[in-house]
All heavy atoms as atom14 arrays in JSON, in Angstrom:
{
  "sequence": "TGHAESVQVTFDPSQVSYGTLLQVFFSVAHDPTQLNRQGPDSGTQ",
  "atom14_mask": [
    [1, 1, 1, 1, 1, 1, 1, 0, 0, 0, 0, 0, 0, 0],
    [1, 1, 1, 1, 0, 0, 0, 0, 0, 0, 0, 0, 0, 0],
    [1, 1, 1, 1, 1, 1, 1, 1, 1, 1, 0, 0, 0, 0],
    [1, 1, 1, 1, 1, 0, 0, 0, 0, 0, 0, 0, 0, 0],
    [1, 1, 1, 1, 1, 1, 1, 1, 1, 0, 0, 0, 0, 0],
    [1, 1, 1, 1, 1, 1, 0, 0, 0, 0, 0, 0, 0, 0],
    [1, 1, 1, 1, 1, 1, 1, 0, 0, 0, 0, 0, 0, 0],
    [1, 1, 1, 1, 1, 1, 1, 1, 1, 0, 0, 0, 0, 0],
    [1, 1, 1, 1, 1, 1, 1, 0, 0, 0, 0, 0, 0, 0],
    [1, 1, 1, 1, 1, 1, 1, 0, 0, 0, 0, 0, 0, 0],
    [1, 1, 1, 1, 1, 1, 1, 1, 1, 1, 1, 0, 0, 0],
    [1, 1, 1, 1, 1, 1, 1, 1, 0, 0, 0, 0, 0, 0],
    [1, 1, 1, 1, 1, 1, 1, 0, 0, 0, 0, 0, 0, 0],
    [1, 1, 1, 1, 1, 1, 0, 0, 0, 0, 0, 0, 0, 0],
    [1, 1, 1, 1, 1, 1, 1, 1, 1, 0, 0, 0, 0, 0],
    [1, 1, 1, 1, 1, 1, 1, 0, 0, 0, 0, 0, 0, 0],
    [1, 1, 1, 1, 1, 1, 0, 0, 0, 0, 0, 0, 0, 0],
    [1, 1, 1, 1, 1, 1, 1, 1, 1, 1, 1, 1, 0, 0],
    [1, 1, 1, 1, 0, 0, 0, 0, 0, 0, 0, 0, 0, 0],
    [1, 1, 1, 1, 1, 1, 1, 0, 0, 0, 0, 0, 0, 0],
    [1, 1, 1, 1, 1, 1, 1, 1, 0, 0, 0, 0, 0, 0],
    [1, 1, 1, 1, 1, 1, 1, 1, 0, 0, 0, 0, 0, 0],
    [1, 1, 1, 1, 1, 1, 1, 1, 1, 0, 0, 0, 0, 0],
    [1, 1, 1, 1, 1, 1, 1, 0, 0, 0, 0, 0, 0, 0],
    [1, 1, 1, 1, 1, 1, 1, 1, 1, 1, 1, 0, 0, 0],
    [1, 1, 1, 1, 1, 1, 1, 1, 1, 1, 1, 0, 0, 0],
    [1, 1, 1, 1, 1, 1, 0, 0, 0, 0, 0, 0, 0, 0],
    [1, 1, 1, 1, 1, 1, 1, 0, 0, 0, 0, 0, 0, 0],
    [1, 1, 1, 1, 1, 0, 0, 0, 0, 0, 0, 0, 0, 0],
    [1, 1, 1, 1, 1, 1, 1, 1, 1, 1, 0, 0, 0, 0],
    [1, 1, 1, 1, 1, 1, 1, 1, 0, 0, 0, 0, 0, 0],
    [1, 1, 1, 1, 1, 1, 1, 0, 0, 0, 0, 0, 0, 0],
    [1, 1, 1, 1, 1, 1, 1, 0, 0, 0, 0, 0, 0, 0],
    [1, 1, 1, 1, 1, 1, 1, 1, 1, 0, 0, 0, 0, 0],
    [1, 1, 1, 1, 1, 1, 1, 1, 0, 0, 0, 0, 0, 0],
    [1, 1, 1, 1, 1, 1, 1, 1, 0, 0, 0, 0, 0, 0],
    [1, 1, 1, 1, 1, 1, 1, 1, 1, 1, 1, 0, 0, 0],
    [1, 1, 1, 1, 1, 1, 1, 1, 1, 0, 0, 0, 0, 0],
    [1, 1, 1, 1, 0, 0, 0, 0, 0, 0, 0, 0, 0, 0],
    [1, 1, 1, 1, 1, 1, 1, 0, 0, 0, 0, 0, 0, 0],
    [1, 1, 1, 1, 1, 1, 1, 1, 0, 0, 0, 0, 0, 0],
    [1, 1, 1, 1, 1, 1, 0, 0, 0, 0, 0, 0, 0, 0],
    [1, 1, 1, 1, 0, 0, 0, 0, 0, 0, 0, 0, 0, 0],
    [1, 1, 1, 1, 1, 1, 1, 0, 0, 0, 0, 0, 0, 0],
    [1, 1, 1, 1, 1, 1, 1, 1, 1, 0, 0, 0, 0, 0]
  ],
  "atom14_positions": [
    [[95.83, 129.1, 40.89], [94.96, 130.12, 40.13], [94.52, 131.25, 40.89], [93.95, 132.23, 40.38], [93.81, 129.38, 39.5], [92.88, 128.99, 40.56], [94.17, 128.16, 38.69], [0.0, 0.0, 0.0], [0.0, 0.0, 0.0], [0.0, 0.0, 0.0], [0.0, 0.0, 0.0], [0.0, 0.0, 0.0], [0.0, 0.0, 0.0], [0.0, 0.0, 0.0]],
    [[94.62, 131.24, 42.21], [94.08, 132.27, 43.13], [92.62, 132.04, 43.5], [92.11, 132.69, 44.36], [0.0, 0.0, 0.0], [0.0, 0.0, 0.0], [0.0, 0.0, 0.0], [0.0, 0.0, 0.0], [0.0, 0.0, 0.0], [0.0, 0.0, 0.0], [0.0, 0.0, 0.0], [0.0, 0.0, 0.0], [0.0, 0.0, 0.0], [0.0, 0.0, 0.0]],
    [[91.99, 131.03, 42.78], [90.6, 130.73, 43.14], [90.51, 130.03, 44.39], [91.37, 129.22, 44.87], [89.97, 129.87, 42.05], [89.56, 130.65, 40.78], [88.6, 131.56, 40.65], [90.12, 130.58, 39.51], [88.5, 132.03, 39.49], [89.4, 131.38, 38.74], [0.0, 0.0, 0.0], [0.0, 0.0, 0.0], [0.0, 0.0, 0.0], [0.0, 0.0, 0.0]],
    [[89.33, 130.17, 45.03], [88.96, 129.26, 46.15], [87.59, 128.57, 45.73], [86.79, 129.2, 45.07], [88.65, 130.09, 47.49], [0.0, 0.0, 0.0], [0.0, 0.0, 0.0], [0.0, 0.0, 0.0], [0.0, 0.0, 0.0], [0.0, 0.0, 0.0], [0.0, 0.0, 0.0], [0.0, 0.0, 0.0], [0.0, 0.0, 0.0], [0.0, 0.0, 0.0]],
    [[87.48, 127.29, 46.06], [86.23, 126.55, 45.84], [85.21, 127.3, 46.77], [85.39, 127.49, 47.94], [86.35, 125.1, 46.23], [87.11, 124.32, 45.3], [86.84, 122.83, 45.4], [85.93, 122.45, 46.1], [87.6, 122.04, 44.85], [0.0, 0.0, 0.0], [0.0, 0.0, 0.0], [0.0, 0.0, 0.0], [0.0, 0.0, 0.0], [0.0, 0.0, 0.0]],
    [[84.18, 127.86, 46.15], [83.2, 128.83, 46.77], [81.75, 128.39, 46.53], [81.52, 127.57, 45.68], [83.48, 130.24, 46.37], [84.87, 130.61, 46.51], [0.0, 0.0, 0.0], [0.0, 0.0, 0.0], [0.0, 0.0, 0.0], [0.0, 0.0, 0.0], [0.0, 0.0, 0.0], [0.0, 0.0, 0.0], [0.0, 0.0, 0.0], [0.0, 0.0, 0.0]],
    [[80.94, 129.02, 47.25], [79.43, 128.93, 47.09], [78.83, 130.22, 47.02], [78.97, 131.09, 48.01], [78.84, 127.99, 48.13], [77.33, 127.91, 48.01], [79.46, 126.55, 48.18], [0.0, 0.0, 0.0], [0.0, 0.0, 0.0], [0.0, 0.0, 0.0], [0.0, 0.0, 0.0], [0.0, 0.0, 0.0], [0.0, 0.0, 0.0], [0.0, 0.0, 0.0]],
    [[78.15, 130.54, 45.98], [77.39, 131.8, 45.81], [75.93, 131.5, 46.37], [75.2, 130.69, 45.79], [77.31, 132.26, 44.4], [76.61, 133.57, 44.24], [76.47, 133.98, 42.84], [75.8, 133.34, 42.02], [77.12, 135.12, 42.45], [0.0, 0.0, 0.0], [0.0, 0.0, 0.0], [0.0, 0.0, 0.0], [0.0, 0.0, 0.0], [0.0, 0.0, 0.0]],
    [[75.52, 132.21, 47.42], [74.26, 132.02, 48.06], [73.37, 133.18, 47.72], [73.68, 134.36, 47.92], [74.41, 131.88, 49.58], [73.03, 131.75, 50.19], [75.31, 130.71, 49.98], [0.0, 0.0, 0.0], [0.0, 0.0, 0.0], [0.0, 0.0, 0.0], [0.0, 0.0, 0.0], [0.0, 0.0, 0.0], [0.0, 0.0, 0.0], [0.0, 0.0, 0.0]],
    [[72.24, 132.87, 47.09], [71.15, 133.86, 46.81], [70.13, 133.59, 47.87], [69.58, 132.58, 48.09], [70.57, 133.69, 45.43], [71.57, 133.71, 44.38], [69.52, 134.72, 45.14], [0.0, 0.0, 0.0], [0.0, 0.0, 0.0], [0.0, 0.0, 0.0], [0.0, 0.0, 0.0], [0.0, 0.0, 0.0], [0.0, 0.0, 0.0], [0.0, 0.0, 0.0]],
    [[69.76, 134.73, 48.62], [68.93, 134.59, 49.77], [67.9, 135.77, 49.78], [68.17, 136.95, 49.18], [69.67, 134.48, 51.09], [70.53, 135.71, 51.3], [70.14, 136.69, 52.33], [71.76, 135.85, 50.74], [70.97, 137.73, 52.64], [72.64, 136.97, 51.11], [72.15, 137.86, 52.0], [0.0, 0.0, 0.0], [0.0, 0.0, 0.0], [0.0, 0.0, 0.0]],
    [[66.83, 135.61, 50.55], [65.87, 136.63, 50.77], [66.12, 137.28, 52.09], [65.99, 136.68, 53.25], [64.46, 136.04, 50.78], [63.34, 136.99, 51.06], [63.65, 138.18, 51.44], [62.18, 136.67, 50.79], [0.0, 0.0, 0.0], [0.0, 0.0, 0.0], [0.0, 0.0, 0.0], [0.0, 0.0, 0.0], [0.0, 0.0, 0.0], [0.0, 0.0, 0.0]],
    [[66.69, 138.5, 52.23], [67.08, 139.08, 53.43], [65.99, 139.44, 54.42], [66.19, 139.7, 55.58], [67.86, 140.34, 53.02], [67.39, 140.72, 51.66], [67.01, 139.31, 51.03], [0.0, 0.0, 0.0], [0.0, 0.0, 0.0], [0.0, 0.0, 0.0], [0.0, 0.0, 0.0], [0.0, 0.0, 0.0], [0.0, 0.0, 0.0], [0.0, 0.0, 0.0]],
    [[64.7, 139.27, 53.87], [63.57, 139.43, 54.77], [63.32, 138.15, 55.49], [62.59, 138.18, 56.51], [62.35, 139.85, 53.94], [61.85, 138.8, 53.2], [0.0, 0.0, 0.0], [0.0, 0.0, 0.0], [0.0, 0.0, 0.0], [0.0, 0.0, 0.0], [0.0, 0.0, 0.0], [0.0, 0.0, 0.0], [0.0, 0.0, 0.0], [0.0, 0.0, 0.0]],
    [[63.92, 137.04, 55.09], [63.75, 135.8, 55.76], [64.93, 135.37, 56.59], [64.92, 134.71, 57.62], [63.4, 134.72, 54.77], [62.08, 134.91, 54.11], [61.73, 133.71, 53.16], [61.89, 132.58, 53.58], [61.27, 134.04, 52.0], [0.0, 0.0, 0.0], [0.0, 0.0, 0.0], [0.0, 0.0, 0.0], [0.0, 0.0, 0.0], [0.0, 0.0, 0.0]],
    [[66.16, 135.66, 56.03], [67.39, 135.3, 56.65], [68.44, 136.37, 56.34], [68.59, 136.74, 55.14], [67.91, 133.91, 56.27], [68.2, 133.83, 54.71], [69.09, 133.51, 57.08], [0.0, 0.0, 0.0], [0.0, 0.0, 0.0], [0.0, 0.0, 0.0], [0.0, 0.0, 0.0], [0.0, 0.0, 0.0], [0.0, 0.0, 0.0], [0.0, 0.0, 0.0]],
    [[69.1, 136.87, 57.33], [70.04, 137.96, 57.12], [71.39, 137.47, 56.77], [71.7, 136.38, 56.96], [70.11, 138.83, 58.38], [70.77, 138.12, 59.43], [0.0, 0.0, 0.0], [0.0, 0.0, 0.0], [0.0, 0.0, 0.0], [0.0, 0.0, 0.0], [0.0, 0.0, 0.0], [0.0, 0.0, 0.0], [0.0, 0.0, 0.0], [0.0, 0.0, 0.0]],
    [[72.25, 138.37, 56.21], [73.65, 138.05, 55.92], [74.33, 137.7, 57.15], [75.11, 136.76, 57.18], [74.24, 139.25, 55.25], [75.76, 139.04, 54.92], [76.14, 138.04, 54.11], [76.74, 139.86, 55.56], [77.52, 137.86, 53.78], [78.1, 139.62, 55.24], [78.42, 138.63, 54.48], [79.81, 138.45, 54.16], [0.0, 0.0, 0.0], [0.0, 0.0, 0.0]],
    [[74.0, 138.37, 58.27], [74.68, 138.08, 59.5], [74.44, 136.68, 59.95], [75.31, 135.95, 60.47], [0.0, 0.0, 0.0], [0.0, 0.0, 0.0], [0.0, 0.0, 0.0], [0.0, 0.0, 0.0], [0.0, 0.0, 0.0], [0.0, 0.0, 0.0], [0.0, 0.0, 0.0], [0.0, 0.0, 0.0], [0.0, 0.0, 0.0], [0.0, 0.0, 0.0]],
    [[73.16, 136.26, 59.75], [72.73, 134.88, 60.21], [73.46, 133.84, 59.32], [73.9, 132.78, 59.79], [71.25, 134.72, 60.14], [70.63, 135.62, 61.03], [70.82, 133.27, 60.49], [0.0, 0.0, 0.0], [0.0, 0.0, 0.0], [0.0, 0.0, 0.0], [0.0, 0.0, 0.0], [0.0, 0.0, 0.0], [0.0, 0.0, 0.0], [0.0, 0.0, 0.0]],
    [[73.56, 134.16, 58.03], [74.37, 133.16, 57.19], [75.84, 133.11, 57.59], [76.34, 132.03, 57.53], [74.3, 133.75, 55.78], [72.81, 133.67, 55.12], [72.97, 134.17, 53.59], [72.27, 132.29, 55.11], [0.0, 0.0, 0.0], [0.0, 0.0, 0.0], [0.0, 0.0, 0.0], [0.0, 0.0, 0.0], [0.0, 0.0, 0.0], [0.0, 0.0, 0.0]],
    [[76.39, 134.25, 58.05], [77.76, 134.18, 58.55], [77.85, 133.27, 59.85], [78.77, 132.5, 60.01], [78.17, 135.58, 58.91], [78.61, 136.53, 57.78], [78.9, 137.95, 58.39], [79.77, 135.99, 57.02], [0.0, 0.0, 0.0], [0.0, 0.0, 0.0], [0.0, 0.0, 0.0], [0.0, 0.0, 0.0], [0.0, 0.0, 0.0], [0.0, 0.0, 0.0]],
    [[76.81, 133.39, 60.69], [76.79, 132.59, 61.93], [76.72, 131.04, 61.52], [77.47, 130.3, 62.12], [75.59, 132.93, 62.71], [75.5, 132.3, 64.08], [74.28, 132.75, 64.9], [73.36, 133.36, 64.36], [74.25, 132.39, 66.14], [0.0, 0.0, 0.0], [0.0, 0.0, 0.0], [0.0, 0.0, 0.0], [0.0, 0.0, 0.0], [0.0, 0.0, 0.0]],
    [[75.95, 130.72, 60.52], [75.87, 129.34, 60.06], [77.23, 128.94, 59.47], [77.73, 127.84, 59.71], [74.8, 129.19, 59.0], [74.85, 127.85, 58.31], [73.37, 129.39, 59.64], [0.0, 0.0, 0.0], [0.0, 0.0, 0.0], [0.0, 0.0, 0.0], [0.0, 0.0, 0.0], [0.0, 0.0, 0.0], [0.0, 0.0, 0.0], [0.0, 0.0, 0.0]],
    [[77.8, 129.79, 58.66], [79.06, 129.45, 57.94], [80.17, 129.2, 58.98], [80.87, 128.2, 58.91], [79.45, 130.71, 57.17], [80.76, 130.63, 56.41], [80.99, 129.61, 55.43], [81.81, 131.45, 56.78], [82.23, 129.56, 54.76], [83.1, 131.37, 56.14], [83.25, 130.49, 55.12], [0.0, 0.0, 0.0], [0.0, 0.0, 0.0], [0.0, 0.0, 0.0]],
    [[80.35, 130.1, 60.04], [81.31, 129.84, 60.97], [81.02, 128.72, 61.98], [81.9, 128.07, 62.6], [81.63, 131.19, 61.81], [82.44, 132.23, 60.97], [81.74, 133.24, 60.44], [83.79, 132.01, 60.69], [82.46, 134.26, 59.73], [84.49, 132.98, 60.01], [83.84, 134.01, 59.5], [0.0, 0.0, 0.0], [0.0, 0.0, 0.0], [0.0, 0.0, 0.0]],
    [[79.79, 128.48, 62.21], [79.43, 127.5, 63.27], [79.41, 126.06, 62.69], [79.98, 125.18, 63.36], [78.0, 127.83, 63.83], [77.58, 126.88, 64.72], [0.0, 0.0, 0.0], [0.0, 0.0, 0.0], [0.0, 0.0, 0.0], [0.0, 0.0, 0.0], [0.0, 0.0, 0.0], [0.0, 0.0, 0.0], [0.0, 0.0, 0.0], [0.0, 0.0, 0.0]],
    [[78.82, 125.84, 61.57], [78.65, 124.38, 61.1], [79.18, 124.09, 59.76], [79.36, 122.94, 59.4], [77.16, 124.06, 61.15], [76.53, 124.2, 62.54], [76.27, 124.79, 60.14], [0.0, 0.0, 0.0], [0.0, 0.0, 0.0], [0.0, 0.0, 0.0], [0.0, 0.0, 0.0], [0.0, 0.0, 0.0], [0.0, 0.0, 0.0], [0.0, 0.0, 0.0]],
    [[79.4, 125.15, 58.88], [79.85, 124.78, 57.5], [81.24, 124.5, 57.3], [81.65, 123.84, 56.34], [79.43, 125.96, 56.63], [0.0, 0.0, 0.0], [0.0, 0.0, 0.0], [0.0, 0.0, 0.0], [0.0, 0.0, 0.0], [0.0, 0.0, 0.0], [0.0, 0.0, 0.0], [0.0, 0.0, 0.0], [0.0, 0.0, 0.0], [0.0, 0.0, 0.0]],
    [[82.16, 125.02, 58.24], [83.57, 124.74, 58.08], [84.27, 125.21, 59.41], [83.69, 125.73, 60.33], [84.18, 125.56, 56.88], [84.46, 127.01, 57.22], [83.71, 127.84, 57.82], [85.71, 127.63, 56.88], [84.33, 129.05, 57.89], [85.5, 128.95, 57.35], [0.0, 0.0, 0.0], [0.0, 0.0, 0.0], [0.0, 0.0, 0.0], [0.0, 0.0, 0.0]],
    [[85.64, 124.98, 59.43], [86.41, 125.32, 60.59], [87.26, 126.52, 60.13], [88.16, 126.32, 59.4], [87.35, 124.1, 61.01], [88.24, 124.44, 62.14], [88.3, 125.63, 62.57], [88.91, 123.58, 62.58], [0.0, 0.0, 0.0], [0.0, 0.0, 0.0], [0.0, 0.0, 0.0], [0.0, 0.0, 0.0], [0.0, 0.0, 0.0], [0.0, 0.0, 0.0]],
    [[86.98, 127.7, 60.66], [87.75, 128.92, 60.23], [89.07, 129.07, 60.82], [89.75, 130.14, 60.57], [86.78, 130.07, 60.72], [86.11, 129.47, 61.92], [85.92, 128.12, 61.65], [0.0, 0.0, 0.0], [0.0, 0.0, 0.0], [0.0, 0.0, 0.0], [0.0, 0.0, 0.0], [0.0, 0.0, 0.0], [0.0, 0.0, 0.0], [0.0, 0.0, 0.0]],
    [[89.59, 128.09, 61.58], [90.93, 128.16, 62.1], [91.94, 127.32, 61.28], [93.09, 127.43, 61.56], [90.97, 127.62, 63.54], [90.79, 126.26, 63.54], [89.92, 128.38, 64.45], [0.0, 0.0, 0.0], [0.0, 0.0, 0.0], [0.0, 0.0, 0.0], [0.0, 0.0, 0.0], [0.0, 0.0, 0.0], [0.0, 0.0, 0.0], [0.0, 0.0, 0.0]],
    [[91.51, 126.71, 60.27], [92.41, 125.89, 59.41], [92.92, 126.78, 58.27], [92.11, 127.22, 57.42], [91.67, 124.65, 58.85], [91.37, 123.66, 59.97], [90.93, 122.23, 59.41], [91.39, 121.85, 58.29], [90.26, 121.54, 60.21], [0.0, 0.0, 0.0], [0.0, 0.0, 0.0], [0.0, 0.0, 0.0], [0.0, 0.0, 0.0], [0.0, 0.0, 0.0]],
    [[94.18, 127.01, 58.17], [94.85, 127.86, 57.14], [95.04, 127.1, 55.91], [95.82, 126.05, 55.92], [96.08, 128.43, 57.67], [96.89, 129.29, 56.74], [96.01, 130.6, 56.39], [98.19, 129.72, 57.35], [0.0, 0.0, 0.0], [0.0, 0.0, 0.0], [0.0, 0.0, 0.0], [0.0, 0.0, 0.0], [0.0, 0.0, 0.0], [0.0, 0.0, 0.0]],
    [[94.41, 127.46, 54.84], [94.7, 126.93, 53.5], [94.49, 125.37, 53.48], [95.15, 124.7, 52.81], [96.06, 127.26, 52.96], [96.21, 128.67, 52.67], [95.25, 129.43, 52.39], [97.45, 129.18, 52.78], [0.0, 0.0, 0.0], [0.0, 0.0, 0.0], [0.0, 0.0, 0.0], [0.0, 0.0, 0.0], [0.0, 0.0, 0.0], [0.0, 0.0, 0.0]],
    [[93.46, 125.01, 54.19], [93.06, 123.54, 54.28], [91.72, 123.42, 54.85], [91.27, 124.34, 55.52], [94.1, 122.72, 54.91], [94.11, 122.79, 56.39], [94.96, 121.73, 57.11], [94.52, 120.46, 56.73], [95.24, 119.48, 56.03], [96.45, 119.81, 55.76], [94.68, 118.4, 55.79], [0.0, 0.0, 0.0], [0.0, 0.0, 0.0], [0.0, 0.0, 0.0]],
    [[91.09, 122.38, 54.69], [89.86, 122.06, 55.32], [89.72, 120.46, 55.37], [89.58, 119.85, 54.37], [88.67, 122.63, 54.72], [87.43, 122.83, 55.58], [87.6, 123.78, 56.73], [86.91, 123.73, 57.73], [88.49, 124.75, 56.61], [0.0, 0.0, 0.0], [0.0, 0.0, 0.0], [0.0, 0.0, 0.0], [0.0, 0.0, 0.0], [0.0, 0.0, 0.0]],
    [[89.86, 119.94, 56.51], [89.81, 118.44, 56.66], [90.88, 117.87, 55.88], [92.06, 118.15, 55.98], [0.0, 0.0, 0.0], [0.0, 0.0, 0.0], [0.0, 0.0, 0.0], [0.0, 0.0, 0.0], [0.0, 0.0, 0.0], [0.0, 0.0, 0.0], [0.0, 0.0, 0.0], [0.0, 0.0, 0.0], [0.0, 0.0, 0.0], [0.0, 0.0, 0.0]],
    [[90.49, 116.92, 54.95], [91.48, 116.17, 54.16], [92.03, 116.95, 52.96], [92.95, 116.49, 52.29], [90.73, 114.95, 53.68], [89.29, 115.5, 53.63], [89.15, 116.45, 54.76], [0.0, 0.0, 0.0], [0.0, 0.0, 0.0], [0.0, 0.0, 0.0], [0.0, 0.0, 0.0], [0.0, 0.0, 0.0], [0.0, 0.0, 0.0], [0.0, 0.0, 0.0]],
    [[91.49, 118.11, 52.7], [91.88, 118.96, 51.51], [92.81, 120.08, 51.9], [92.63, 120.81, 52.87], [90.64, 119.53, 50.91], [89.64, 118.54, 50.52], [90.01, 117.38, 50.09], [88.38, 118.78, 50.87], [0.0, 0.0, 0.0], [0.0, 0.0, 0.0], [0.0, 0.0, 0.0], [0.0, 0.0, 0.0], [0.0, 0.0, 0.0], [0.0, 0.0, 0.0]],
    [[93.93, 120.21, 51.17], [94.86, 121.22, 51.49], [95.24, 122.06, 50.23], [95.16, 121.44, 49.12], [96.16, 120.64, 52.17], [96.78, 119.78, 51.17], [0.0, 0.0, 0.0], [0.0, 0.0, 0.0], [0.0, 0.0, 0.0], [0.0, 0.0, 0.0], [0.0, 0.0, 0.0], [0.0, 0.0, 0.0], [0.0, 0.0, 0.0], [0.0, 0.0, 0.0]],
    [[95.6, 123.25, 50.4], [95.91, 124.2, 49.25], [95.11, 125.48, 49.39], [94.07, 125.49, 50.07], [0.0, 0.0, 0.0], [0.0, 0.0, 0.0], [0.0, 0.0, 0.0], [0.0, 0.0, 0.0], [0.0, 0.0, 0.0], [0.0, 0.0, 0.0], [0.0, 0.0, 0.0], [0.0, 0.0, 0.0], [0.0, 0.0, 0.0], [0.0, 0.0, 0.0]],
    [[95.6, 126.47, 48.8], [94.87, 127.77, 48.82], [93.51, 127.7, 48.22], [92.66, 128.57, 48.6], [95.69, 128.83, 48.16], [95.87, 128.49, 46.78], [97.13, 129.01, 48.76], [0.0, 0.0, 0.0], [0.0, 0.0, 0.0], [0.0, 0.0, 0.0], [0.0, 0.0, 0.0], [0.0, 0.0, 0.0], [0.0, 0.0, 0.0], [0.0, 0.0, 0.0]],
    [[93.25, 126.73, 47.4], [91.82, 126.69, 46.81], [90.88, 126.17, 47.87], [89.65, 126.3, 47.65], [91.8, 125.73, 45.61], [92.13, 124.28, 45.94], [93.54, 123.84, 45.96], [94.43, 124.63, 46.24], [93.83, 122.63, 45.46], [0.0, 0.0, 0.0], [0.0, 0.0, 0.0], [0.0, 0.0, 0.0], [0.0, 0.0, 0.0], [0.0, 0.0, 0.0]]
  ]
}
């Protein structure tokens, strides 16, 4: 379908910046070196 399983984050930029959310995303939320997969899940979604 072209979709990716995603999460829409609503945040207060006076408390946490977009850049900080990126840091969290790349550091602990997933592995950005895995192409079209993540752990046991595979596919472009």
